[in-house]
Amino acid sequence: MKPARARILDAAAELMATIGLARATTKEIARAAGCSEAALYKYFAGKEDLFLHVLDERLPRLGPLLSELAKRPADGGAGGGGDARSVEENLTEVVRQAALFYEATFAIAASIFAEPALLRRHAEGVRALGAGPHIPLRSLAAYLRNEREAGRIRPDADPDAAATLLLGACQQRAFLSSFPDGEPVAPVEEFAPALVRAALLGLAPVT
């Protein structure tokens, strides 16, 4: 049997995706995990804390990837200690992870926005923990600023606008993929490089 913490994360991820965040109470999550509610609070401060750990540990790793890129020097090269991967390679991986992440969390997000009172409580809870939906945008924009300073994207590029375009497209894909009997969306392995190539038309340095 898995350790209690892992079972709690598994149960929370399953319930949040299937019955929504409002109905996925700590009591229900603990029951599904085969442990007491007190045991849940041994590992997590509350449902918002548990929710953030689910995002970080049970879903595509968008947040950790963006945090790493935002902190990494952009000027790669032999012995330089920077990023040896191209901007296109980095952004393609970001878009791939973002598309998978937003698709996996769309049902959870919809359940939150369906209830205004729940949305307010949830927003207050995640803000108190230093998290929120603005963090991926901020991290991606920070990465693009590093690339601009290193001369790997054009000097007049707008990092905030580019980050919004890339992640916004991923969210739109998640919406379309979740819509019953809607238009089919491109597979992630096709969607990511195509989106990045389009974005780079406005980011690549003029030669």
Protein backbone atom coordinates (compact mmCIF):
# COMPACT_ATOMS: atom_id res chain seq x y z
CA MET A 1 0.00 0.00 0.00
CA LYS A 2 1.18 3.51 -0.80
CA PRO A 3 2.08 5.88 2.05
CA ALA A 4 -0.84 7.92 3.42
CA ARG A 5 0.34 11.18 1.86
CA ALA A 6 0.50 9.66 -1.62
CA ARG A 7 -2.96 8.08 -1.20
CA ILE A 8 -4.39 11.43 -0.13
CA LEU A 9 -2.91 13.18 -3.18
CA ASP A 10 -4.23 10.47 -5.50
CA ALA A 11 -7.71 10.64 -3.98
CA ALA A 12 -7.78 14.43 -4.06
CA ALA A 13 -6.73 14.55 -7.72
CA GLU A 14 -9.40 12.02 -8.66
CA LEU A 15 -12.23 13.64 -6.69
CA MET A 16 -11.41 17.21 -7.69
CA ALA A 17 -11.48 16.18 -11.35
CA THR A 18 -14.64 14.09 -11.16
CA ILE A 19 -16.97 15.74 -8.62
CA GLY A 20 -15.47 19.23 -8.44
CA LEU A 21 -13.61 21.18 -5.81
CA ALA A 22 -16.71 22.12 -3.80
CA ARG A 23 -17.86 18.55 -3.26
CA ALA A 24 -14.34 17.21 -2.80
CA THR A 25 -14.29 17.95 0.92
CA THR A 26 -11.39 16.96 3.12
CA LYS A 27 -13.72 14.39 4.71
CA GLU A 28 -14.52 12.83 1.32
CA ILE A 29 -10.88 12.88 0.25
CA ALA A 30 -9.77 11.21 3.48
CA ARG A 31 -12.46 8.54 3.10
CA ALA A 32 -11.39 7.83 -0.50
CA ALA A 33 -7.75 7.65 0.64
CA GLY A 34 -8.57 5.17 3.39
CA CYS A 35 -7.43 7.39 6.23
CA SER A 36 -8.88 9.74 8.81
CA GLU A 37 -9.48 13.43 8.22
CA ALA A 38 -7.03 14.11 11.05
CA ALA A 39 -4.37 12.22 9.10
CA LEU A 40 -4.99 14.46 6.09
CA TYR A 41 -4.31 17.54 8.20
CA LYS A 42 -1.06 15.97 9.36
CA TYR A 43 0.30 16.48 5.83
CA PHE A 44 -1.68 19.47 4.49
CA ALA A 45 -2.77 22.73 6.10
CA GLY A 46 -6.17 22.65 4.39
CA LYS A 47 -7.94 22.01 1.13
CA GLU A 48 -6.25 24.90 -0.69
CA ASP A 49 -2.83 23.63 0.38
CA LEU A 50 -3.80 20.13 -0.75
CA PHE A 51 -5.09 21.53 -4.06
CA LEU A 52 -1.75 23.24 -4.73
CA HIS A 53 0.16 20.04 -3.97
CA VAL A 54 -2.11 18.15 -6.36
CA LEU A 55 -1.29 20.68 -9.08
CA ASP A 56 2.41 20.36 -8.36
CA GLU A 57 2.70 16.60 -7.81
CA ARG A 58 -0.12 14.90 -9.70
CA LEU A 59 -0.47 16.95 -12.88
CA PRO A 60 1.82 17.98 -15.77
CA ARG A 61 4.66 19.95 -14.23
CA LEU A 62 4.07 23.38 -15.70
CA GLY A 63 4.87 25.37 -12.56
CA PRO A 64 8.25 23.77 -11.78
CA LEU A 65 9.31 24.02 -15.44
CA LEU A 66 8.49 27.73 -15.62
CA SER A 67 10.16 28.45 -12.29
CA GLU A 68 13.32 26.74 -13.47
CA LEU A 69 13.37 28.62 -16.78
CA ALA A 70 12.72 31.97 -15.11
CA LYS A 71 15.76 31.50 -12.85
CA ARG A 72 18.10 30.04 -15.47
CA PRO A 73 20.60 32.32 -17.28
CA ALA A 74 19.68 32.57 -20.95
CA ASP A 75 23.17 32.99 -22.37
CA GLY A 76 24.17 29.40 -23.00
CA GLY A 77 27.34 28.15 -24.56
CA ALA A 78 30.29 26.00 -23.66
CA GLY A 79 31.14 26.39 -20.01
CA GLY A 80 28.81 29.37 -19.71
CA GLY A 81 26.42 27.74 -17.27
CA GLY A 82 23.45 29.13 -19.17
CA ASP A 83 20.71 27.55 -21.23
CA ALA A 84 22.08 25.37 -24.01
CA ARG A 85 18.61 24.78 -25.45
CA SER A 86 17.17 27.17 -28.02
CA VAL A 87 14.31 29.53 -27.27
CA GLU A 88 12.15 27.48 -29.61
CA GLU A 89 12.95 24.27 -27.75
CA ASN A 90 12.22 25.85 -24.36
CA LEU A 91 8.95 27.42 -25.46
CA THR A 92 7.80 24.23 -27.16
CA GLU A 93 8.27 22.32 -23.91
CA VAL A 94 6.46 25.08 -21.99
CA VAL A 95 3.51 24.98 -24.39
CA ARG A 96 3.41 21.19 -24.32
CA GLN A 97 3.28 21.12 -20.53
CA ALA A 98 0.84 24.04 -20.39
CA ALA A 99 -1.56 22.42 -22.86
CA LEU A 100 -1.54 19.20 -20.85
CA PHE A 101 -1.85 21.05 -17.54
CA TYR A 102 -4.81 23.22 -18.54
CA GLU A 103 -6.56 20.28 -20.14
CA ALA A 104 -6.13 18.22 -16.97
CA THR A 105 -7.35 21.04 -14.70
CA PHE A 106 -10.19 22.40 -16.82
CA ALA A 107 -12.92 20.48 -14.99
CA ILE A 108 -11.54 21.54 -11.61
CA ALA A 109 -11.38 25.20 -12.69
CA ALA A 110 -14.93 25.05 -14.07
CA SER A 111 -16.23 23.72 -10.77
CA ILE A 112 -14.56 26.59 -8.90
CA PHE A 113 -15.93 29.31 -11.17
CA ALA A 114 -19.43 27.80 -11.06
CA GLU A 115 -19.84 28.90 -7.43
CA PRO A 116 -18.92 32.55 -6.64
CA ALA A 117 -18.63 31.95 -2.90
CA LEU A 118 -16.31 29.01 -3.45
CA LEU A 119 -14.26 31.03 -5.93
CA ARG A 120 -13.76 33.82 -3.38
CA ARG A 121 -12.73 31.40 -0.63
CA HIS A 122 -10.43 29.52 -2.96
CA ALA A 123 -8.82 32.72 -4.28
CA GLU A 124 -8.20 33.97 -0.75
CA GLY A 125 -6.74 30.62 0.25
CA VAL A 126 -4.30 30.26 -2.64
CA ARG A 127 -3.25 33.93 -2.40
CA ALA A 128 -2.41 33.40 1.27
CA LEU A 129 -0.11 30.58 0.15
CA GLY A 130 1.62 32.79 -2.43
CA ALA A 131 0.01 31.06 -5.40
CA GLY A 132 -2.56 31.84 -8.08
CA PRO A 133 -3.24 31.67 -11.81
CA HIS A 134 -1.02 34.69 -12.45
CA ILE A 135 2.15 32.82 -11.44
CA PRO A 136 2.66 30.91 -14.74
CA LEU A 137 2.23 34.13 -16.72
CA ARG A 138 4.67 35.97 -14.48
CA SER A 139 7.25 33.16 -14.69
CA LEU A 140 7.02 32.81 -18.47
CA ALA A 141 7.33 36.57 -18.92
CA ALA A 142 10.39 36.56 -16.62
CA TYR A 143 11.98 33.85 -18.74
CA LEU A 144 11.33 35.83 -21.93
CA ARG A 145 12.87 38.94 -20.36
CA ASN A 146 16.01 36.93 -19.66
CA GLU A 147 16.07 35.84 -23.29
CA ARG A 148 15.59 39.42 -24.45
CA GLU A 149 18.48 40.62 -22.30
CA ALA A 150 20.64 37.82 -23.72
CA GLY A 151 19.78 38.88 -27.26
CA ARG A 152 18.08 35.60 -28.12
CA ILE A 153 14.79 37.35 -28.91
CA ARG A 154 14.29 40.77 -30.45
CA PRO A 155 14.94 43.83 -28.23
CA ASP A 156 11.46 45.27 -28.76
CA ALA A 157 9.67 42.00 -27.89
CA ASP A 158 6.91 42.30 -25.27
CA PRO A 159 7.42 39.40 -22.79
CA ASP A 160 4.09 39.92 -21.03
CA ALA A 161 2.11 39.94 -24.27
CA ALA A 162 3.98 36.90 -25.61
CA ALA A 163 3.40 34.95 -22.38
CA THR A 164 -0.30 35.81 -22.49
CA LEU A 165 -0.59 34.72 -26.12
CA LEU A 166 1.13 31.38 -25.52
CA LEU A 167 -0.62 30.39 -22.31
CA GLY A 168 -3.94 31.83 -23.46
CA ALA A 169 -3.83 29.61 -26.53
CA CYS A 170 -3.24 26.61 -24.28
CA GLN A 171 -6.27 27.52 -22.18
CA GLN A 172 -8.39 27.92 -25.31
CA ARG A 173 -7.30 24.46 -26.46
CA ALA A 174 -8.31 23.04 -23.06
CA PHE A 175 -11.74 24.65 -23.39
CA LEU A 176 -12.27 23.25 -26.88
CA SER A 177 -11.06 19.78 -25.93
CA SER A 178 -13.52 19.68 -23.01
CA PHE A 179 -16.54 20.82 -25.04
CA PRO A 180 -18.82 17.84 -25.84
CA ASP A 181 -18.93 16.92 -29.53
CA GLY A 182 -16.89 19.99 -30.43
CA GLU A 183 -14.27 20.47 -33.09
CA PRO A 184 -11.29 18.14 -32.56
CA VAL A 185 -8.14 19.81 -31.30
CA ALA A 186 -4.66 19.13 -32.57
CA PRO A 187 -2.61 16.63 -30.56
CA VAL A 188 -0.24 18.30 -28.13
CA GLU A 189 2.82 17.11 -30.04
CA GLU A 190 1.55 18.98 -33.11
CA PHE A 191 -0.04 21.93 -31.31
CA ALA A 192 3.03 22.95 -29.27
CA PRO A 193 5.63 23.37 -32.05
CA ALA A 194 3.09 24.98 -34.40
CA LEU A 195 2.07 27.57 -31.80
CA VAL A 196 5.67 28.36 -30.90
CA ARG A 197 6.69 28.77 -34.54
CA ALA A 198 3.85 31.27 -35.00
CA ALA A 199 4.84 33.18 -31.85
CA LEU A 200 8.50 33.30 -32.83
CA LEU A 201 7.61 35.24 -35.98
CA GLY A 202 7.14 38.18 -33.63
CA LEU A 203 9.93 37.32 -31.18
CA ALA A 204 12.90 36.20 -33.27
CA PRO A 205 15.73 38.72 -33.65
CA VAL A 206 15.87 40.56 -36.96
CA THR A 207 18.81 39.27 -39.01
